[in-house]
PDB file of N, CA and C in Angstrom:
ATOM      1  N   GLN A   1      96.330  92.409 109.625  1.00  0.00           N
ATOM      2  CA  GLN A   1      97.286  92.663 108.579  1.00  0.00           C
ATOM      3  C   GLN A   1      96.580  92.667 107.227  1.00  0.00           C
ATOM      4  N   VAL A   2      96.942  93.642 106.400  1.00  0.00           N
ATOM      5  CA  VAL A   2      96.443  93.708 105.040  1.00  0.00           C
ATOM      6  C   VAL A   2      97.406  92.930 104.157  1.00  0.00           C
ATOM      7  N   GLN A   3      96.891  91.946 103.439  1.00  0.00           N
ATOM      8  CA  GLN A   3      97.706  91.141 102.546  1.00  0.00           C
ATOM      9  C   GLN A   3      97.846  91.841 101.198  1.00  0.00           C
ATOM     10  N   LEU A   4      99.088  91.935 100.705  1.00  0.00           N
ATOM     11  CA  LEU A   4      99.377  92.577  99.435  1.00  0.00           C
ATOM     12  C   LEU A   4     100.089  91.585  98.526  1.00  0.00           C
ATOM     13  N   VAL A   5      99.557  91.390  97.339  1.00  0.00           N
ATOM     14  CA  VAL A   5     100.121  90.456  96.381  1.00  0.00           C
ATOM     15  C   VAL A   5     100.522  91.220  95.132  1.00  0.00           C
ATOM     16  N   GLU A   6     101.819  91.183  94.815  1.00  0.00           N
ATOM     17  CA  GLU A   6     102.351  91.892  93.668  1.00  0.00           C
ATOM     18  C   GLU A   6     102.519  90.959  92.475  1.00  0.00           C
ATOM     19  N   SER A   7     102.454  91.546  91.292  1.00  0.00           N
ATOM     20  CA  SER A   7     102.706  90.811  90.068  1.00  0.00           C
ATOM     21  C   SER A   7     103.139  91.789  88.984  1.00  0.00           C
ATOM     22  N   GLY A   8     103.696  91.257  87.900  1.00  0.00           N
ATOM     23  CA  GLY A   8     104.013  92.060  86.734  1.00  0.00           C
ATOM     24  C   GLY A   8     105.474  92.332  86.488  1.00  0.00           C
ATOM     25  N   GLY A   9     106.345  91.944  87.412  1.00  0.00           N
ATOM     26  CA  GLY A   9     107.762  92.158  87.209  1.00  0.00           C
ATOM     27  C   GLY A   9     108.328  91.222  86.158  1.00  0.00           C
ATOM     28  N   GLY A  10     109.570  91.485  85.788  1.00  0.00           N
ATOM     29  CA  GLY A  10     110.216  90.642  84.807  1.00  0.00           C
ATOM     30  C   GLY A  10     111.403  91.318  84.172  1.00  0.00           C
ATOM     31  N   LEU A  11     111.871  90.719  83.091  1.00  0.00           N
ATOM     32  CA  LEU A  11     113.014  91.213  82.332  1.00  0.00           C
ATOM     33  C   LEU A  11     112.521  91.956  81.102  1.00  0.00           C
ATOM     34  N   VAL A  12     113.063  93.143  80.886  1.00  0.00           N
ATOM     35  CA  VAL A  12     112.662  93.953  79.747  1.00  0.00           C
ATOM     36  C   VAL A  12     113.881  94.690  79.213  1.00  0.00           C
ATOM     37  N   GLN A  13     113.880  94.967  77.926  1.00  0.00           N
ATOM     38  CA  GLN A  13     114.975  95.709  77.315  1.00  0.00           C
ATOM     39  C   GLN A  13     114.840  97.200  77.581  1.00  0.00           C
ATOM     40  N   PRO A  14     115.947  97.931  77.567  1.00  0.00           N
ATOM     41  CA  PRO A  14     115.857  99.382  77.707  1.00  0.00           C
ATOM     42  C   PRO A  14     114.890  99.975  76.695  1.00  0.00           C
ATOM     43  N   GLY A  15     114.085 100.917  77.161  1.00  0.00           N
ATOM     44  CA  GLY A  15     113.062 101.511  76.329  1.00  0.00           C
ATOM     45  C   GLY A  15     111.738 100.789  76.374  1.00  0.00           C
ATOM     46  N   GLY A  16     111.715  99.625  76.974  1.00  0.00           N
ATOM     47  CA  GLY A  16     110.504  98.839  77.062  1.00  0.00           C
ATOM     48  C   GLY A  16     109.599  99.284  78.193  1.00  0.00           C
ATOM     49  N   SER A  17     108.519  98.529  78.381  1.00  0.00           N
ATOM     50  CA  SER A  17     107.507  98.871  79.370  1.00  0.00           C
ATOM     51  C   SER A  17     107.118  97.654  80.198  1.00  0.00           C
ATOM     52  N   LEU A  18     106.710  97.916  81.419  1.00  0.00           N
ATOM     53  CA  LEU A  18     106.139  96.918  82.302  1.00  0.00           C
ATOM     54  C   LEU A  18     105.029  97.568  83.103  1.00  0.00           C
ATOM     55  N   ARG A  19     104.089  96.754  83.522  1.00  0.00           N
ATOM     56  CA  ARG A  19     103.002  97.222  84.367  1.00  0.00           C
ATOM     57  C   ARG A  19     102.933  96.339  85.602  1.00  0.00           C
ATOM     58  N   LEU A  20     103.179  96.935  86.752  1.00  0.00           N
ATOM     59  CA  LEU A  20     103.117  96.228  88.016  1.00  0.00           C
ATOM     60  C   LEU A  20     101.738  96.380  88.637  1.00  0.00           C
ATOM     61  N   SER A  21     101.292  95.330  89.296  1.00  0.00           N
ATOM     62  CA  SER A  21     100.021  95.346  89.992  1.00  0.00           C
ATOM     63  C   SER A  21     100.227  94.930  91.439  1.00  0.00           C
ATOM     64  N   CYS A  22      99.424  95.475  92.311  1.00  0.00           N
ATOM     65  CA  CYS A  22      99.460  95.119  93.718  1.00  0.00           C
ATOM     66  C   CYS A  22      98.034  95.103  94.233  1.00  0.00           C
ATOM     67  N   ALA A  23      97.560  93.932  94.590  1.00  0.00           N
ATOM     68  CA  ALA A  23      96.190  93.761  95.052  1.00  0.00           C
ATOM     69  C   ALA A  23      96.169  93.590  96.561  1.00  0.00           C
ATOM     70  N   ALA A  24      95.392  94.418  97.225  1.00  0.00           N
ATOM     71  CA  ALA A  24      95.242  94.357  98.668  1.00  0.00           C
ATOM     72  C   ALA A  24      94.011  93.549  99.030  1.00  0.00           C
ATOM     73  N   SER A  25      94.124  92.782 100.092  1.00  0.00           N
ATOM     74  CA  SER A  25      92.981  92.021 100.566  1.00  0.00           C
ATOM     75  C   SER A  25      91.906  92.964 101.074  1.00  0.00           C
ATOM     76  N   ARG A  26      90.684  92.532 100.915  1.00  0.00           N
ATOM     77  CA  ARG A  26      89.583  93.342 101.419  1.00  0.00           C
ATOM     78  C   ARG A  26      89.578  93.316 102.930  1.00  0.00           C
ATOM     79  N   SER A  27      89.237  94.455 103.517  1.00  0.00           N
ATOM     80  CA  SER A  27      89.194  94.562 104.961  1.00  0.00           C
ATOM     81  C   SER A  27      88.220  95.654 105.355  1.00  0.00           C
ATOM     82  N   ILE A  28      88.036  95.795 106.650  1.00  0.00           N
ATOM     83  CA  ILE A  28      87.170  96.848 107.162  1.00  0.00           C
ATOM     84  C   ILE A  28      87.914  98.162 107.331  1.00  0.00           C
ATOM     85  N   PHE A  29      89.211  98.145 107.050  1.00  0.00           N
ATOM     86  CA  PHE A  29      90.025  99.332 107.267  1.00  0.00           C
ATOM     87  C   PHE A  29      90.059 100.216 106.032  1.00  0.00           C
ATOM     88  N   SER A  30      90.372 101.479 106.246  1.00  0.00           N
ATOM     89  CA  SER A  30      90.433 102.456 105.167  1.00  0.00           C
ATOM     90  C   SER A  30      91.871 102.670 104.734  1.00  0.00           C
ATOM     91  N   ILE A  31      92.074 102.737 103.432  1.00  0.00           N
ATOM     92  CA  ILE A  31      93.395 102.981 102.877  1.00  0.00           C
ATOM     93  C   ILE A  31      93.640 104.478 102.804  1.00  0.00           C
ATOM     94  N   VAL A  32      94.775 104.890 103.345  1.00  0.00           N
ATOM     95  CA  VAL A  32      95.149 106.293 103.345  1.00  0.00           C
ATOM     96  C   VAL A  32      96.030 106.623 102.149  1.00  0.00           C
ATOM     97  N   VAL A  33      97.022 105.770 101.893  1.00  0.00           N
ATOM     98  CA  VAL A  33      97.966 105.973 100.800  1.00  0.00           C
ATOM     99  C   VAL A  33      98.334 104.618 100.204  1.00  0.00           C
ATOM    100  N   MET A  34      98.485 104.568  98.904  1.00  0.00           N
ATOM    101  CA  MET A  34      99.064 103.419  98.222  1.00  0.00           C
ATOM    102  C   MET A  34     100.297 103.913  97.471  1.00  0.00           C
ATOM    103  N   SER A  35     101.396 103.191  97.629  1.00  0.00           N
ATOM    104  CA  SER A  35     102.671 103.668  97.111  1.00  0.00           C
ATOM    105  C   SER A  35     103.476 102.524  96.509  1.00  0.00           C
ATOM    106  N   TRP A  36     104.468 102.915  95.708  1.00  0.00           N
ATOM    107  CA  TRP A  36     105.470 102.000  95.183  1.00  0.00           C
ATOM    108  C   TRP A  36     106.849 102.466  95.609  1.00  0.00           C
ATOM    109  N   TYR A  37     107.628 101.532  96.120  1.00  0.00           N
ATOM    110  CA  TYR A  37     109.017 101.751  96.461  1.00  0.00           C
ATOM    111  C   TYR A  37     109.876 100.800  95.646  1.00  0.00           C
ATOM    112  N   ARG A  38     111.161 101.094  95.585  1.00  0.00           N
ATOM    113  CA  ARG A  38     112.082 100.165  94.953  1.00  0.00           C
ATOM    114  C   ARG A  38     113.410 100.171  95.693  1.00  0.00           C
ATOM    115  N   GLN A  39     114.121  99.069  95.564  1.00  0.00           N
ATOM    116  CA  GLN A  39     115.411  98.935  96.207  1.00  0.00           C
ATOM    117  C   GLN A  39     116.346  98.155  95.295  1.00  0.00           C
ATOM    118  N   ALA A  40     117.407  98.821  94.873  1.00  0.00           N
ATOM    119  CA  ALA A  40     118.437  98.189  94.078  1.00  0.00           C
ATOM    120  C   ALA A  40     119.498  97.615  95.010  1.00  0.00           C
ATOM    121  N   PRO A  41     120.262  96.623  94.550  1.00  0.00           N
ATOM    122  CA  PRO A  41     121.301  96.035  95.399  1.00  0.00           C
ATOM    123  C   PRO A  41     122.268  97.088  95.920  1.00  0.00           C
ATOM    124  N   GLY A  42     122.503  97.073  97.222  1.00  0.00           N
ATOM    125  CA  GLY A  42     123.414  98.012  97.835  1.00  0.00           C
ATOM    126  C   GLY A  42     122.890  99.425  97.979  1.00  0.00           C
ATOM    127  N   GLU A  43     121.628  99.633  97.647  1.00  0.00           N
ATOM    128  CA  GLU A  43     121.052 100.968  97.703  1.00  0.00           C
ATOM    129  C   GLU A  43     119.952 101.041  98.745  1.00  0.00           C
ATOM    130  N   GLN A  44     119.623 102.256  99.132  1.00  0.00           N
ATOM    131  CA  GLN A  44     118.521 102.491 100.044  1.00  0.00           C
ATOM    132  C   GLN A  44     117.194 102.309  99.317  1.00  0.00           C
ATOM    133  N   ARG A  45     116.201 101.857 100.054  1.00  0.00           N
ATOM    134  CA  ARG A  45     114.869 101.791  99.492  1.00  0.00           C
ATOM    135  C   ARG A  45     114.356 103.215  99.277  1.00  0.00           C
ATOM    136  N   GLU A  46     113.809 103.461  98.107  1.00  0.00           N
ATOM    137  CA  GLU A  46     113.350 104.796  97.778  1.00  0.00           C
ATOM    138  C   GLU A  46     111.903 104.783  97.330  1.00  0.00           C
ATOM    139  N   LEU A  47     111.229 105.869  97.627  1.00  0.00           N
ATOM    140  CA  LEU A  47     109.860 106.052  97.172  1.00  0.00           C
ATOM    141  C   LEU A  47     109.866 106.375  95.689  1.00  0.00           C
ATOM    142  N   VAL A  48     109.099 105.621  94.926  1.00  0.00           N
ATOM    143  CA  VAL A  48     108.990 105.828  93.490  1.00  0.00           C
ATOM    144  C   VAL A  48     107.771 106.669  93.151  1.00  0.00           C
ATOM    145  N   ALA A  49     106.638 106.299  93.711  1.00  0.00           N
ATOM    146  CA  ALA A  49     105.391 106.995  93.428  1.00  0.00           C
ATOM    147  C   ALA A  49     104.412 106.725  94.554  1.00  0.00           C
ATOM    148  N   GLU A  50     103.555 107.677  94.821  1.00  0.00           N
ATOM    149  CA  GLU A  50     102.538 107.493  95.842  1.00  0.00           C
ATOM    150  C   GLU A  50     101.228 108.095  95.391  1.00  0.00           C
ATOM    151  N   SER A  51     100.158 107.496  95.867  1.00  0.00           N
ATOM    152  CA  SER A  51      98.815 107.944  95.532  1.00  0.00           C
ATOM    153  C   SER A  51      97.992 108.059  96.808  1.00  0.00           C
ATOM    154  N   PRO A  52      97.987 109.234  97.426  1.00  0.00           N
ATOM    155  CA  PRO A  52      97.149 109.425  98.609  1.00  0.00           C
ATOM    156  C   PRO A  52      95.671 109.367  98.238  1.00  0.00           C
ATOM    157  N   THR A  53      94.886 108.750  99.084  1.00  0.00           N
ATOM    158  CA  THR A  53      93.454 108.692  98.847  1.00  0.00           C
ATOM    159  C   THR A  53      92.879 110.101  98.883  1.00  0.00           C
ATOM    160  N   GLY A  54      92.267 110.505  97.793  1.00  0.00           N
ATOM    161  CA  GLY A  54      91.701 111.835  97.694  1.00  0.00           C
ATOM    162  C   GLY A  54      92.706 112.934  97.437  1.00  0.00           C
ATOM    163  N   GLY A  55      93.966 112.565  97.179  1.00  0.00           N
ATOM    164  CA  GLY A  55      95.008 113.545  96.969  1.00  0.00           C
ATOM    165  C   GLY A  55      95.714 113.376  95.636  1.00  0.00           C
ATOM    166  N   ASP A  56      96.720 114.203  95.431  1.00  0.00           N
ATOM    167  CA  ASP A  56      97.482 114.181  94.189  1.00  0.00           C
ATOM    168  C   ASP A  56      98.608 113.165  94.256  1.00  0.00           C
ATOM    169  N   THR A  57      98.917 112.587  93.113  1.00  0.00           N
ATOM    170  CA  THR A  57     100.023 111.646  93.027  1.00  0.00           C
ATOM    171  C   THR A  57     101.350 112.380  93.073  1.00  0.00           C
ATOM    172  N   ASN A  58     102.370 111.668  93.513  1.00  0.00           N
ATOM    173  CA  ASN A  58     103.716 112.205  93.594  1.00  0.00           C
ATOM    174  C   ASN A  58     104.699 111.178  93.056  1.00  0.00           C
ATOM    175  N   TYR A  59     105.779 111.673  92.435  1.00  0.00           N
ATOM    176  CA  TYR A  59     106.766 110.809  91.817  1.00  0.00           C
ATOM    177  C   TYR A  59     108.171 111.244  92.174  1.00  0.00           C
ATOM    178  N   ALA A  60     109.049 110.265  92.243  1.00  0.00           N
ATOM    179  CA  ALA A  60     110.459 110.582  92.343  1.00  0.00           C
ATOM    180  C   ALA A  60     110.914 111.273  91.065  1.00  0.00           C
ATOM    181  N   ASP A  61     111.865 112.186  91.204  1.00  0.00           N
ATOM    182  CA  ASP A  61     112.345 112.922  90.036  1.00  0.00           C
ATOM    183  C   ASP A  61     112.872 111.990  88.946  1.00  0.00           C
ATOM    184  N   SER A  62     113.455 110.880  89.350  1.00  0.00           N
ATOM    185  CA  SER A  62     114.073 109.978  88.397  1.00  0.00           C
ATOM    186  C   SER A  62     113.079 109.265  87.495  1.00  0.00           C
ATOM    187  N   VAL A  63     111.799 109.251  87.864  1.00  0.00           N
ATOM    188  CA  VAL A  63     110.803 108.528  87.077  1.00  0.00           C
ATOM    189  C   VAL A  63     109.722 109.435  86.516  1.00  0.00           C
ATOM    190  N   LYS A  64     109.769 110.708  86.819  1.00  0.00           N
ATOM    191  CA  LYS A  64     108.750 111.627  86.323  1.00  0.00           C
ATOM    192  C   LYS A  64     108.706 111.617  84.803  1.00  0.00           C
ATOM    193  N   GLY A  65     107.498 111.559  84.279  1.00  0.00           N
ATOM    194  CA  GLY A  65     107.309 111.524  82.842  1.00  0.00           C
ATOM    195  C   GLY A  65     107.388 110.144  82.243  1.00  0.00           C
ATOM    196  N   ARG A  66     107.837 109.152  83.017  1.00  0.00           N
ATOM    197  CA  ARG A  66     107.963 107.796  82.512  1.00  0.00           C
ATOM    198  C   ARG A  66     107.050 106.808  83.222  1.00  0.00           C
ATOM    199  N   PHE A  67     106.835 107.013  84.528  1.00  0.00           N
ATOM    200  CA  PHE A  67     106.024 106.107  85.331  1.00  0.00           C
ATOM    201  C   PHE A  67     104.696 106.768  85.669  1.00  0.00           C
ATOM    202  N   THR A  68     103.662 105.949  85.802  1.00  0.00           N
ATOM    203  CA  THR A  68     102.354 106.429  86.206  1.00  0.00           C
ATOM    204  C   THR A  68     101.768 105.484  87.245  1.00  0.00           C
ATOM    205  N   ILE A  69     101.387 106.033  88.392  1.00  0.00           N
ATOM    206  CA  ILE A  69     100.710 105.252  89.410  1.00  0.00           C
ATOM    207  C   ILE A  69      99.210 105.470  89.269  1.00  0.00           C
ATOM    208  N   SER A  70      98.451 104.412  89.418  1.00  0.00           N
ATOM    209  CA  SER A  70      97.004 104.517  89.332  1.00  0.00           C
ATOM    210  C   SER A  70      96.378 103.510  90.288  1.00  0.00           C
ATOM    211  N   ARG A  71      95.106 103.705  90.562  1.00  0.00           N
ATOM    212  CA  ARG A  71      94.397 102.847  91.507  1.00  0.00           C
ATOM    213  C   ARG A  71      93.039 102.473  90.977  1.00  0.00           C
ATOM    214  N   ASP A  72      92.638 101.263  91.287  1.00  0.00           N
ATOM    215  CA  ASP A  72      91.279 100.812  91.110  1.00  0.00           C
ATOM    216  C   ASP A  72      90.747 100.550  92.509  1.00  0.00           C
ATOM    217  N   ASN A  73      90.075 101.528  93.062  1.00  0.00           N
ATOM    218  CA  ASN A  73      89.665 101.440  94.453  1.00  0.00           C
ATOM    219  C   ASN A  73      88.624 100.350  94.697  1.00  0.00           C
ATOM    220  N   ALA A  74      87.816 100.065  93.693  1.00  0.00           N
ATOM    221  CA  ALA A  74      86.833  99.000  93.836  1.00  0.00           C
ATOM    222  C   ALA A  74      87.502  97.646  94.017  1.00  0.00           C
ATOM    223  N   LYS A  75      88.695  97.489  93.454  1.00  0.00           N
ATOM    224  CA  LYS A  75      89.445  96.236  93.551  1.00  0.00           C
ATOM    225  C   LYS A  75      90.572  96.304  94.570  1.00  0.00           C
ATOM    226  N   ASN A  76      90.711  97.441  95.255  1.00  0.00           N
ATOM    227  CA  ASN A  76      91.808  97.628  96.206  1.00  0.00           C
ATOM    228  C   ASN A  76      93.154  97.301  95.567  1.00  0.00           C
ATOM    229  N   THR A  77      93.349  97.788  94.365  1.00  0.00           N
ATOM    230  CA  THR A  77      94.546  97.479  93.595  1.00  0.00           C
ATOM    231  C   THR A  77      95.242  98.760  93.160  1.00  0.00           C
ATOM    232  N   VAL A  78      96.565  98.752  93.242  1.00  0.00           N
ATOM    233  CA  VAL A  78      97.373  99.851  92.761  1.00  0.00           C
ATOM    234  C   VAL A  78      98.275  99.340  91.653  1.00  0.00           C
ATOM    235  N   TYR A  79      98.490 100.169  90.645  1.00  0.00           N
ATOM    236  CA  TYR A  79      99.291  99.805  89.491  1.00  0.00           C
ATOM    237  C   TYR A  79     100.449 100.773  89.328  1.00  0.00           C
ATOM    238  N   LEU A  80     101.488 100.309  88.696  1.00  0.00           N
ATOM    239  CA  LEU A  80     102.589 101.169  88.299  1.00  0.00           C
ATOM    240  C   LEU A  80     102.913 100.866  86.849  1.00  0.00           C
ATOM    241  N   GLN A  81     102.548 101.780  85.969  1.00  0.00           N
ATOM    242  CA  GLN A  81     102.883 101.671  84.564  1.00  0.00           C
ATOM    243  C   GLN A  81     104.261 102.278  84.353  1.00  0.00           C
ATOM    244  N   MET A  82     105.192 101.491  83.860  1.00  0.00           N
ATOM    245  CA  MET A  82     106.569 101.922  83.687  1.00  0.00           C
ATOM    246  C   MET A  82     106.909 101.892  82.207  1.00  0.00           C
ATOM    247  N   ASN A  83     107.182 103.053  81.658  1.00  0.00           N
ATOM    248  CA  ASN A  83     107.543 103.192  80.256  1.00  0.00           C
ATOM    249  C   ASN A  83     108.964 103.726  80.131  1.00  0.00           C
ATOM    250  N   SER A  84     109.510 103.582  78.946  1.00  0.00           N
ATOM    251  CA  SER A  84     110.861 104.071  78.657  1.00  0.00           C
ATOM    252  C   SER A  84     111.850 103.627  79.724  1.00  0.00           C
ATOM    253  N   LEU A  85     111.809 102.358  80.035  1.00  0.00           N
ATOM    254  CA  LEU A  85     112.624 101.834  81.127  1.00  0.00           C
ATOM    255  C   LEU A  85     114.113 101.934  80.827  1.00  0.00           C
ATOM    256  N   LYS A  86     114.863 102.204  81.873  1.00  0.00           N
ATOM    257  CA  LYS A  86     116.306 102.349  81.804  1.00  0.00           C
ATOM    258  C   LYS A  86     116.969 101.304  82.688  1.00  0.00           C
ATOM    259  N   PRO A  87     118.216 100.957  82.404  1.00  0.00           N
ATOM    260  CA  PRO A  87     118.913  99.998  83.271  1.00  0.00           C
ATOM    261  C   PRO A  87     118.925 100.409  84.736  1.00  0.00           C
ATOM    262  N   GLU A  88     118.984 101.697  85.015  1.00  0.00           N
ATOM    263  CA  GLU A  88     118.996 102.156  86.392  1.00  0.00           C
ATOM    264  C   GLU A  88     117.660 101.981  87.103  1.00  0.00           C
ATOM    265  N   ASP A  89     116.626 101.579  86.374  1.00  0.00           N
ATOM    266  CA  ASP A  89     115.356 101.233  86.997  1.00  0.00           C
ATOM    267  C   ASP A  89     115.365  99.826  87.577  1.00  0.00           C
ATOM    268  N   THR A  90     116.409  99.069  87.307  1.00  0.00           N
ATOM    269  CA  THR A  90     116.499  97.707  87.815  1.00  0.00           C
ATOM    270  C   THR A  90     116.497  97.705  89.336  1.00  0.00           C
ATOM    271  N   ALA A  91     115.560  96.979  89.922  1.00  0.00           N
ATOM    272  CA  ALA A  91     115.406  96.942  91.371  1.00  0.00           C
ATOM    273  C   ALA A  91     114.292  95.971  91.720  1.00  0.00           C
ATOM    274  N   VAL A  92     114.176  95.695  93.008  1.00  0.00           N
ATOM    275  CA  VAL A  92     112.993  95.025  93.515  1.00  0.00           C
ATOM    276  C   VAL A  92     111.981  96.102  93.864  1.00  0.00           C
ATOM    277  N   TYR A  93     110.792  95.953  93.343  1.00  0.00           N
ATOM    278  CA  TYR A  93     109.739  96.928  93.552  1.00  0.00           C
ATOM    279  C   TYR A  93     108.742  96.403  94.576  1.00  0.00           C
ATOM    280  N   TYR A  94     108.407  97.250  95.543  1.00  0.00           N
ATOM    281  CA  TYR A  94     107.500  96.900  96.616  1.00  0.00           C
ATOM    282  C   TYR A  94     106.314  97.850  96.632  1.00  0.00           C
ATOM    283  N   CYS A  95     105.130  97.310  96.776  1.00  0.00           N
ATOM    284  CA  CYS A  95     103.990  98.173  97.026  1.00  0.00           C
ATOM    285  C   CYS A  95     103.794  98.313  98.525  1.00  0.00           C
ATOM    286  N   GLN A  96     103.246  99.432  98.914  1.00  0.00           N
ATOM    287  CA  GLN A  96     102.992  99.724 100.314  1.00  0.00           C
ATOM    288  C   GLN A  96     101.615 100.343 100.446  1.00  0.00           C
ATOM    289  N   VAL A  97     100.909  99.923 101.466  1.00  0.00           N
ATOM    290  CA  VAL A  97      99.592 100.471 101.751  1.00  0.00           C
ATOM    291  C   VAL A  97      99.568 100.963 103.187  1.00  0.00           C
ATOM    292  N   ARG A  98      99.170 102.192 103.355  1.00  0.00           N
ATOM    293  CA  ARG A  98      98.977 102.749 104.687  1.00  0.00           C
ATOM    294  C   ARG A  98      97.488 102.737 104.976  1.00  0.00           C
ATOM    295  N   SER A  99      97.137 102.133 106.108  1.00  0.00           N
ATOM    296  CA  SER A  99      95.742 101.950 106.458  1.00  0.00           C
ATOM    297  C   SER A  99      95.446 102.583 107.802  1.00  0.00           C
ATOM    298  N   THR A 100      94.175 102.833 108.027  1.00  0.00           N
ATOM    299  CA  THR A 100      93.738 103.366 109.307  1.00  0.00           C
ATOM    300  C   THR A 100      92.429 102.705 109.714  1.00  0.00           C
ATOM    301  N   ASN A 101      92.239 102.587 111.005  1.00  0.00           N
ATOM    302  CA  ASN A 101      90.973 102.119 111.555  1.00  0.00           C
ATOM    303  C   ASN A 101      90.206 103.253 112.217  1.00  0.00           C
ATOM    304  N   GLY A 102      90.665 104.479 111.972  1.00  0.00           N
ATOM    305  CA  GLY A 102      90.075 105.648 112.583  1.00  0.00           C
ATOM    306  C   GLY A 102      90.749 106.054 113.866  1.00  0.00           C
ATOM    307  N   LEU A 103      91.577 105.174 114.422  1.00  0.00           N
ATOM    308  CA  LEU A 103      92.291 105.451 115.663  1.00  0.00           C
ATOM    309  C   LEU A 103      93.794 105.568 115.452  1.00  0.00           C
ATOM    310  N   GLY A 104      94.333 104.725 114.575  1.00  0.00           N
ATOM    311  CA  GLY A 104      95.746 104.735 114.303  1.00  0.00           C
ATOM    312  C   GLY A 104      96.037 104.388 112.861  1.00  0.00           C
ATOM    313  N   TYR A 105      97.324 104.366 112.510  1.00  0.00           N
ATOM    314  CA  TYR A 105      97.762 104.074 111.160  1.00  0.00           C
ATOM    315  C   TYR A 105      98.833 103.003 111.185  1.00  0.00           C
ATOM    316  N   TRP A 106      98.942 102.225 110.118  1.00  0.00           N
ATOM    317  CA  TRP A 106      99.991 101.244 109.974  1.00  0.00           C
ATOM    318  C   TRP A 106     100.247 100.978 108.497  1.00  0.00           C
ATOM    319  N   ASP A 107     101.432 100.428 108.220  1.00  0.00           N
ATOM    320  CA  ASP A 107     101.848 100.139 106.854  1.00  0.00           C
ATOM    321  C   ASP A 107     101.946  98.647 106.622  1.00  0.00           C
ATOM    322  N   ASP A 108     101.536  98.226 105.440  1.00  0.00           N
ATOM    323  CA  ASP A 108     101.718  96.858 104.986  1.00  0.00           C
ATOM    324  C   ASP A 108     102.490  96.878 103.678  1.00  0.00           C
ATOM    325  N   TRP A 109     103.282  95.831 103.459  1.00  0.00           N
ATOM    326  CA  TRP A 109     104.164  95.753 102.296  1.00  0.00           C
ATOM    327  C   TRP A 109     103.903  94.504 101.475  1.00  0.00           C
ATOM    328  N   GLY A 110     104.032  94.652 100.172  1.00  0.00           N
ATOM    329  CA  GLY A 110     103.991  93.497  99.299  1.00  0.00           C
ATOM    330  C   GLY A 110     105.275  92.701  99.389  1.00  0.00           C
ATOM    331  N   GLN A 111     105.298  91.541  98.734  1.00  0.00           N
ATOM    332  CA  GLN A 111     106.448  90.648  98.825  1.00  0.00           C
ATOM    333  C   GLN A 111     107.620  91.093  97.968  1.00  0.00           C
ATOM    334  N   GLY A 112     107.404  92.037  97.083  1.00  0.00           N
ATOM    335  CA  GLY A 112     108.430  92.508  96.178  1.00  0.00           C
ATOM    336  C   GLY A 112     108.405  91.762  94.860  1.00  0.00           C
ATOM    337  N   THR A 113     108.664  92.474  93.786  1.00  0.00           N
ATOM    338  CA  THR A 113     108.753  91.861  92.472  1.00  0.00           C
ATOM    339  C   THR A 113     109.961  92.443  91.744  1.00  0.00           C
ATOM    340  N   GLN A 114     110.742  91.572  91.127  1.00  0.00           N
ATOM    341  CA  GLN A 114     111.987  91.977  90.488  1.00  0.00           C
ATOM    342  C   GLN A 114     111.711  92.576  89.118  1.00  0.00           C
ATOM    343  N   VAL A 115     112.292  93.739  88.882  1.00  0.00           N
ATOM    344  CA  VAL A 115     112.281  94.369  87.570  1.00  0.00           C
ATOM    345  C   VAL A 115     113.728  94.498  87.109  1.00  0.00           C
ATOM    346  N   THR A 116     114.034  93.889  85.983  1.00  0.00           N
ATOM    347  CA  THR A 116     115.377  93.941  85.429  1.00  0.00           C
ATOM    348  C   THR A 116     115.318  94.538  84.034  1.00  0.00           C
ATOM    349  N   VAL A 117     116.069  95.605  83.822  1.00  0.00           N
ATOM    350  CA  VAL A 117     116.123  96.283  82.535  1.00  0.00           C
ATOM    351  C   VAL A 117     117.520  96.076  81.970  1.00  0.00           C
ATOM    352  N   SER A 118     117.610  95.291  80.933  1.00  0.00           N
ATOM    353  CA  SER A 118     118.905  94.932  80.376  1.00  0.00           C
ATOM    354  C   SER A 118     118.756  94.521  78.924  1.00  0.00           C
ATOM    355  N   SER A 119     119.772  94.828  78.133  1.00  0.00           N
ATOM    356  CA  SER A 119     119.816  94.403  76.750  1.00  0.00           C
ATOM    357  C   SER A 119     120.633  93.134  76.571  1.00  0.00           C
TER     358      SER A 119
END
């Protein structure tokens, strides 16, 4: 299992910014994709942003132009820079890492971090 530790959540006013971090434990396995999901109360978990290794980033329409996903591969860490936050961004945010050993693939999830946007 790849251990994922999230940080950076909190309470912010509308229009504010937060930066989430997710650090993956070092392993012998290769990371295929690093992603951020979120889940608001009573809602389905949705993909917010993803960063395929060697590929282009992708964003949900609701966050395009406001959120940026980035990676520090040397540190096995993925970040989510969130700007111009809106109340509808309030959710628990989860990082996800898809890994491979060359034979198969599996997903690991962070513990979740609460982001609350409120005045």
